[in-house]
Amino acid sequence: MHFRPLHDRVAVRRIEAEEKTAGGIIIPDTAKEKPQEGEVVAVGPGARDETGKLVELSVKAGDRVLFGKWSGSEVKIDGEELLIMKESDILGIVETEASSK
C-alpha cells in the first residue's frame, strides 16, 4: 500500500471480533457490532503546536489500538477497507504480555 496520512491522522485496519462467545454461541453477521479494535497501518508525521514545532504521534505502524465506535472515516485503498482517524480518536494501545515486559 502506498498511502501516508497527513498531520496527526492514522490509518487503521479493523481486527475482526470472534464469531463465537465464550460459551460457544455463534454470533450471526447481522448481530455483530463493528469491531472497536484495530491495527495501525500508517501514521502521519504529527501535528504542529502553537510555536510551529512538530509533535510526533504516540502510535506507530503495527500497534494494536482501541478506538471509539463512531471514530474515523471509512475508506477503501487498494481493495482494503481502512479507517482514517485523528490520533485523538484512539483511546489506547493494547499491549500483549510479551510487549509489556
Protein backbone atom coordinates (compact mmCIF):
# COMPACT_ATOMS: atom_id res chain seq x y z
CA MET A 1 0.00 0.00 0.00
CA HIS A 2 1.28 3.45 -0.87
CA PHE A 3 -0.67 5.71 1.48
CA ARG A 4 0.65 8.14 4.08
CA PRO A 5 -1.80 10.05 6.29
CA LEU A 6 -1.26 13.77 6.77
CA HIS A 7 -0.66 15.65 10.03
CA ASP A 8 -1.90 13.77 13.12
CA ARG A 9 -4.01 11.24 11.22
CA VAL A 10 -3.67 7.47 11.45
CA ALA A 11 -4.77 4.66 9.09
CA VAL A 12 -6.21 1.68 11.00
CA ARG A 13 -7.26 -1.80 9.82
CA ARG A 14 -10.13 -3.22 11.90
CA ILE A 15 -9.45 -6.51 13.66
CA GLU A 16 -12.50 -8.73 13.33
CA ALA A 17 -14.22 -9.86 16.51
CA GLU A 18 -14.67 -13.50 17.44
CA GLU A 19 -17.60 -15.30 15.81
CA LYS A 20 -18.35 -17.27 18.99
CA THR A 21 -18.99 -16.19 22.54
CA ALA A 22 -17.04 -17.66 25.45
CA GLY A 23 -19.95 -20.07 25.96
CA GLY A 24 -19.71 -21.34 22.37
CA ILE A 25 -22.73 -19.48 20.94
CA ILE A 26 -22.18 -18.48 17.30
CA ILE A 27 -22.97 -14.83 16.61
CA PRO A 28 -24.62 -14.21 13.20
CA ASP A 29 -23.20 -11.45 10.98
CA THR A 30 -26.35 -9.35 11.36
CA ALA A 31 -25.96 -9.23 15.16
CA LYS A 32 -22.25 -8.40 15.21
CA GLU A 33 -21.11 -4.90 16.05
CA LYS A 34 -18.25 -3.34 14.15
CA PRO A 35 -15.01 -4.04 15.99
CA GLN A 36 -13.51 -1.21 18.01
CA GLU A 37 -10.03 -2.69 17.89
CA GLY A 38 -7.58 -2.39 15.05
CA GLU A 39 -4.01 -2.41 13.86
CA VAL A 40 -2.27 0.81 12.89
CA VAL A 41 -1.20 0.56 9.24
CA ALA A 42 0.30 4.02 8.68
CA VAL A 43 0.76 7.26 10.64
CA GLY A 44 1.23 10.86 9.64
CA PRO A 45 4.26 12.94 10.60
CA GLY A 46 2.45 14.65 13.51
CA ALA A 47 0.71 17.88 14.37
CA ARG A 48 2.24 21.30 14.96
CA ASP A 49 1.96 23.05 18.32
CA GLU A 50 1.38 26.79 18.89
CA THR A 51 5.05 27.58 18.21
CA GLY A 52 5.10 25.60 14.96
CA LYS A 53 7.17 22.74 16.38
CA LEU A 54 6.30 19.27 15.05
CA VAL A 55 4.83 16.99 17.74
CA GLU A 56 5.25 13.33 16.78
CA LEU A 57 2.45 10.81 17.29
CA SER A 58 2.39 8.32 20.19
CA VAL A 59 1.31 5.39 18.00
CA LYS A 60 3.30 3.66 15.28
CA ALA A 61 2.55 1.20 12.50
CA GLY A 62 1.87 -2.26 13.91
CA ASP A 63 0.33 -1.08 17.22
CA ARG A 64 -2.99 -2.65 18.26
CA VAL A 65 -5.33 0.12 19.34
CA LEU A 66 -8.83 0.68 20.71
CA PHE A 67 -10.95 3.47 19.25
CA GLY A 68 -14.45 4.89 19.66
CA LYS A 69 -17.42 3.22 17.99
CA TRP A 70 -18.04 6.11 15.58
CA SER A 71 -14.41 7.20 15.11
CA GLY A 72 -12.79 7.84 11.77
CA SER A 73 -13.80 7.80 8.15
CA GLU A 74 -14.07 4.51 6.29
CA VAL A 75 -12.09 4.39 3.04
CA LYS A 76 -11.09 1.69 0.58
CA ILE A 77 -7.45 1.73 -0.53
CA ASP A 78 -6.11 -0.98 -2.85
CA GLY A 79 -9.26 -3.02 -2.15
CA GLU A 80 -8.70 -2.95 1.62
CA GLU A 81 -11.12 -1.21 3.99
CA LEU A 82 -9.37 1.13 6.40
CA LEU A 83 -10.32 3.79 8.90
CA ILE A 84 -8.63 7.18 8.77
CA MET A 85 -8.83 8.96 12.12
CA LYS A 86 -7.05 11.56 14.20
CA GLU A 87 -4.72 10.25 16.88
CA SER A 88 -7.01 11.86 19.49
CA ASP A 89 -9.79 9.41 18.44
CA ILE A 90 -7.63 6.50 19.61
CA LEU A 91 -8.49 5.53 23.18
CA GLY A 92 -5.37 3.49 23.89
CA ILE A 93 -2.79 0.95 22.79
CA VAL A 94 -3.42 -2.73 23.56
CA GLU A 95 -0.21 -4.27 24.83
CA THR A 96 0.39 -8.01 24.86
CA GLU A 97 2.18 -9.59 27.81
CA ALA A 98 5.35 -10.02 25.73
CA SER A 99 5.49 -6.33 24.78
CA SER A 100 4.84 -5.05 28.32
CA LYS A 101 7.89 -6.80 29.83
